[in-house]
């Protein structure tokens, strides 16, 4: 079951789920930024299943597939890619970990060039996708 917000058109797994209506286009995040950041973003998005929705809000790009599983913040010289997992990632690539709940952690990885979107990062994002998909199926 899903719910579509009548104000912004975004789709969620629960009725009246709290969210932002402050949407923008993905291109707005990359205006005035180095092309390598857009290439990195496109490489990451291209590695994901076709049912992933890319929702660009004013300050962050959210990746969802019935549930939010990842986010990307575009900064001047880098992307910060966050993945929601049931564990903290143990890697020197992780620049920050935010506990979301007692069983969910947001680990953030820095991407400065397309080569940083490697098999390891793609695996973490796919793992977050699968974890979100299992949770969505369990709550259906």
C-alpha atoms as a PDB file:
ATOM      1  CA  UNK A   1       0.000   0.000   0.000  1.00  0.00           C
ATOM      2  CA  UNK A   2       1.283   3.478  -0.744  1.00  0.00           C
ATOM      3  CA  UNK A   3       0.198   7.058  -0.354  1.00  0.00           C
ATOM      4  CA  UNK A   4       0.882   9.930  -2.762  1.00  0.00           C
ATOM      5  CA  UNK A   5       1.061  13.417  -1.299  1.00  0.00           C
ATOM      6  CA  UNK A   6      -1.438  15.646  -3.081  1.00  0.00           C
ATOM      7  CA  UNK A   7       0.818  18.697  -2.596  1.00  0.00           C
ATOM      8  CA  UNK A   8       4.161  17.491  -3.964  1.00  0.00           C
ATOM      9  CA  UNK A   9       3.316  14.220  -5.729  1.00  0.00           C
ATOM     10  CA  UNK A  10       5.903  12.171  -3.800  1.00  0.00           C
ATOM     11  CA  UNK A  11       4.891   8.595  -2.919  1.00  0.00           C
ATOM     12  CA  UNK A  12       5.312   7.047   0.530  1.00  0.00           C
ATOM     13  CA  UNK A  13       4.597   3.719   2.205  1.00  0.00           C
ATOM     14  CA  UNK A  14       2.401   5.266   4.926  1.00  0.00           C
ATOM     15  CA  UNK A  15      -0.518   7.702   4.799  1.00  0.00           C
ATOM     16  CA  UNK A  16       0.361  11.263   5.775  1.00  0.00           C
ATOM     17  CA  UNK A  17       4.049  10.448   6.264  1.00  0.00           C
ATOM     18  CA  UNK A  18       6.061  13.489   7.341  1.00  0.00           C
ATOM     19  CA  UNK A  19       8.136  14.845   4.471  1.00  0.00           C
ATOM     20  CA  UNK A  20       9.325  17.981   2.696  1.00  0.00           C
ATOM     21  CA  UNK A  21       7.494  19.587  -0.205  1.00  0.00           C
ATOM     22  CA  UNK A  22      10.596  21.615  -1.048  1.00  0.00           C
ATOM     23  CA  UNK A  23      11.460  19.782  -4.283  1.00  0.00           C
ATOM     24  CA  UNK A  24      13.829  20.952  -7.020  1.00  0.00           C
ATOM     25  CA  UNK A  25      15.311  19.332 -10.093  1.00  0.00           C
ATOM     26  CA  UNK A  26      18.424  17.180  -9.810  1.00  0.00           C
ATOM     27  CA  UNK A  27      20.238  19.577 -12.153  1.00  0.00           C
ATOM     28  CA  UNK A  28      19.876  22.381  -9.585  1.00  0.00           C
ATOM     29  CA  UNK A  29      22.155  20.454  -7.219  1.00  0.00           C
ATOM     30  CA  UNK A  30      24.944  20.357  -9.807  1.00  0.00           C
ATOM     31  CA  UNK A  31      24.754  23.941 -11.105  1.00  0.00           C
ATOM     32  CA  UNK A  32      28.169  25.535 -10.741  1.00  0.00           C
ATOM     33  CA  UNK A  33      29.731  22.295  -9.501  1.00  0.00           C
ATOM     34  CA  UNK A  34      32.541  20.327 -11.176  1.00  0.00           C
ATOM     35  CA  UNK A  35      31.338  17.963 -13.925  1.00  0.00           C
ATOM     36  CA  UNK A  36      33.084  15.060 -12.162  1.00  0.00           C
ATOM     37  CA  UNK A  37      30.479  15.241  -9.402  1.00  0.00           C
ATOM     38  CA  UNK A  38      27.606  14.834 -11.864  1.00  0.00           C
ATOM     39  CA  UNK A  39      29.451  11.984 -13.585  1.00  0.00           C
ATOM     40  CA  UNK A  40      29.933  10.318 -10.181  1.00  0.00           C
ATOM     41  CA  UNK A  41      26.245  10.764  -9.343  1.00  0.00           C
ATOM     42  CA  UNK A  42      25.108   9.381 -12.698  1.00  0.00           C
ATOM     43  CA  UNK A  43      27.433   6.394 -12.316  1.00  0.00           C
ATOM     44  CA  UNK A  44      25.962   5.593  -8.896  1.00  0.00           C
ATOM     45  CA  UNK A  45      22.351   6.008 -10.031  1.00  0.00           C
ATOM     46  CA  UNK A  46      23.051   3.900 -13.127  1.00  0.00           C
ATOM     47  CA  UNK A  47      24.189   1.009 -10.928  1.00  0.00           C
ATOM     48  CA  UNK A  48      20.839   0.811  -9.103  1.00  0.00           C
ATOM     49  CA  UNK A  49      17.679  -1.172  -9.903  1.00  0.00           C
ATOM     50  CA  UNK A  50      15.145   0.514 -12.182  1.00  0.00           C
ATOM     51  CA  UNK A  51      12.512   0.929  -9.448  1.00  0.00           C
ATOM     52  CA  UNK A  52      14.663   3.403  -7.503  1.00  0.00           C
ATOM     53  CA  UNK A  53      13.126   6.854  -7.319  1.00  0.00           C
ATOM     54  CA  UNK A  54      15.472   9.838  -7.268  1.00  0.00           C
ATOM     55  CA  UNK A  55      13.822  12.678  -5.355  1.00  0.00           C
ATOM     56  CA  UNK A  56      15.695  15.963  -5.327  1.00  0.00           C
ATOM     57  CA  UNK A  57      14.833  18.188  -2.395  1.00  0.00           C
ATOM     58  CA  UNK A  58      16.338  21.620  -1.844  1.00  0.00           C
ATOM     59  CA  UNK A  59      19.228  20.382   0.345  1.00  0.00           C
ATOM     60  CA  UNK A  60      19.511  16.667  -0.418  1.00  0.00           C
ATOM     61  CA  UNK A  61      18.780  14.030  -3.057  1.00  0.00           C
ATOM     62  CA  UNK A  62      16.891  11.089  -1.594  1.00  0.00           C
ATOM     63  CA  UNK A  63      16.887   7.568  -3.059  1.00  0.00           C
ATOM     64  CA  UNK A  64      13.779   5.526  -2.366  1.00  0.00           C
ATOM     65  CA  UNK A  65      12.186   2.251  -3.367  1.00  0.00           C
ATOM     66  CA  UNK A  66       9.069   2.230  -1.192  1.00  0.00           C
ATOM     67  CA  UNK A  67      11.422   3.348   1.631  1.00  0.00           C
ATOM     68  CA  UNK A  68      14.326   5.753   1.780  1.00  0.00           C
ATOM     69  CA  UNK A  69      17.558   3.764   1.690  1.00  0.00           C
ATOM     70  CA  UNK A  70      20.155   6.350   0.714  1.00  0.00           C
ATOM     71  CA  UNK A  71      20.755  10.081   0.374  1.00  0.00           C
ATOM     72  CA  UNK A  72      23.239  12.239  -1.491  1.00  0.00           C
ATOM     73  CA  UNK A  73      24.337  15.711  -0.525  1.00  0.00           C
ATOM     74  CA  UNK A  74      26.089  17.678  -3.283  1.00  0.00           C
ATOM     75  CA  UNK A  75      28.768  19.983  -1.941  1.00  0.00           C
ATOM     76  CA  UNK A  76      31.253  22.258  -3.694  1.00  0.00           C
ATOM     77  CA  UNK A  77      33.954  19.628  -4.224  1.00  0.00           C
ATOM     78  CA  UNK A  78      32.363  16.351  -3.179  1.00  0.00           C
ATOM     79  CA  UNK A  79      29.268  14.222  -2.812  1.00  0.00           C
ATOM     80  CA  UNK A  80      28.335  12.793   0.544  1.00  0.00           C
ATOM     81  CA  UNK A  81      26.581   9.471   0.001  1.00  0.00           C
ATOM     82  CA  UNK A  82      24.660   8.134   2.976  1.00  0.00           C
ATOM     83  CA  UNK A  83      23.340   4.600   3.272  1.00  0.00           C
ATOM     84  CA  UNK A  84      20.869   3.328   5.853  1.00  0.00           C
ATOM     85  CA  UNK A  85      21.906  -0.089   7.142  1.00  0.00           C
ATOM     86  CA  UNK A  86      21.364  -2.247  10.217  1.00  0.00           C
ATOM     87  CA  UNK A  87      25.043  -1.782  11.098  1.00  0.00           C
ATOM     88  CA  UNK A  88      27.723   0.875  11.014  1.00  0.00           C
ATOM     89  CA  UNK A  89      30.068   0.511   8.080  1.00  0.00           C
ATOM     90  CA  UNK A  90      33.586  -0.297   9.245  1.00  0.00           C
ATOM     91  CA  UNK A  91      35.738   1.427   6.651  1.00  0.00           C
ATOM     92  CA  UNK A  92      38.210   4.278   6.477  1.00  0.00           C
ATOM     93  CA  UNK A  93      35.995   5.675   3.683  1.00  0.00           C
ATOM     94  CA  UNK A  94      33.210   6.460   6.157  1.00  0.00           C
ATOM     95  CA  UNK A  95      33.377  10.101   7.227  1.00  0.00           C
ATOM     96  CA  UNK A  96      30.368  10.083   9.560  1.00  0.00           C
ATOM     97  CA  UNK A  97      27.869   7.717  11.166  1.00  0.00           C
ATOM     98  CA  UNK A  98      24.467   8.865  12.388  1.00  0.00           C
ATOM     99  CA  UNK A  99      22.420   6.483  14.529  1.00  0.00           C
ATOM    100  CA  UNK A 100      18.862   6.704  13.198  1.00  0.00           C
ATOM    101  CA  UNK A 101      17.362   4.221  15.651  1.00  0.00           C
ATOM    102  CA  UNK A 102      18.576   1.373  17.836  1.00  0.00           C
ATOM    103  CA  UNK A 103      18.774  -0.854  14.737  1.00  0.00           C
ATOM    104  CA  UNK A 104      19.420   1.598  11.908  1.00  0.00           C
ATOM    105  CA  UNK A 105      22.538   3.618  11.099  1.00  0.00           C
ATOM    106  CA  UNK A 106      23.282   6.180   8.421  1.00  0.00           C
ATOM    107  CA  UNK A 107      26.891   5.781   7.299  1.00  0.00           C
ATOM    108  CA  UNK A 108      28.232   8.575   5.076  1.00  0.00           C
ATOM    109  CA  UNK A 109      30.925   8.095   2.423  1.00  0.00           C
ATOM    110  CA  UNK A 110      32.735  10.872   0.578  1.00  0.00           C
ATOM    111  CA  UNK A 111      32.879  10.800  -3.243  1.00  0.00           C
ATOM    112  CA  UNK A 112      35.229  13.223  -5.004  1.00  0.00           C
ATOM    113  CA  UNK A 113      35.530  11.591  -8.431  1.00  0.00           C
ATOM    114  CA  UNK A 114      33.876   8.862 -10.524  1.00  0.00           C
ATOM    115  CA  UNK A 115      36.485   6.289  -9.437  1.00  0.00           C
ATOM    116  CA  UNK A 116      35.169   6.596  -5.876  1.00  0.00           C
ATOM    117  CA  UNK A 117      31.892   5.049  -7.095  1.00  0.00           C
ATOM    118  CA  UNK A 118      33.495   1.622  -7.052  1.00  0.00           C
ATOM    119  CA  UNK A 119      32.215  -1.892  -6.394  1.00  0.00           C
ATOM    120  CA  UNK A 120      32.449  -1.413  -2.637  1.00  0.00           C
ATOM    121  CA  UNK A 121      30.287   1.720  -2.554  1.00  0.00           C
ATOM    122  CA  UNK A 122      27.817   0.249  -5.042  1.00  0.00           C
ATOM    123  CA  UNK A 123      27.567  -2.874  -2.853  1.00  0.00           C
ATOM    124  CA  UNK A 124      26.770  -0.781   0.244  1.00  0.00           C
ATOM    125  CA  UNK A 125      24.067   1.147  -1.604  1.00  0.00           C
ATOM    126  CA  UNK A 126      22.550  -2.057  -3.003  1.00  0.00           C
ATOM    127  CA  UNK A 127      22.650  -3.593   0.487  1.00  0.00           C
ATOM    128  CA  UNK A 128      20.733  -0.576   1.821  1.00  0.00           C
ATOM    129  CA  UNK A 129      18.254  -0.944  -1.051  1.00  0.00           C
ATOM    130  CA  UNK A 130      17.683  -4.637  -0.234  1.00  0.00           C
ATOM    131  CA  UNK A 131      17.353  -3.952   3.494  1.00  0.00           C
ATOM    132  CA  UNK A 132      14.718  -1.289   2.794  1.00  0.00           C
ATOM    133  CA  UNK A 133      12.889  -3.603   0.379  1.00  0.00           C
ATOM    134  CA  UNK A 134      12.759  -6.399   2.992  1.00  0.00           C
ATOM    135  CA  UNK A 135      11.429  -3.983   5.610  1.00  0.00           C
ATOM    136  CA  UNK A 136       8.776  -2.716   3.198  1.00  0.00           C
ATOM    137  CA  UNK A 137       7.664  -6.270   2.382  1.00  0.00           C
ATOM    138  CA  UNK A 138       7.523  -7.179   6.079  1.00  0.00           C
ATOM    139  CA  UNK A 139       5.272  -4.211   6.881  1.00  0.00           C
ATOM    140  CA  UNK A 140       2.894  -4.859   3.935  1.00  0.00           C
END
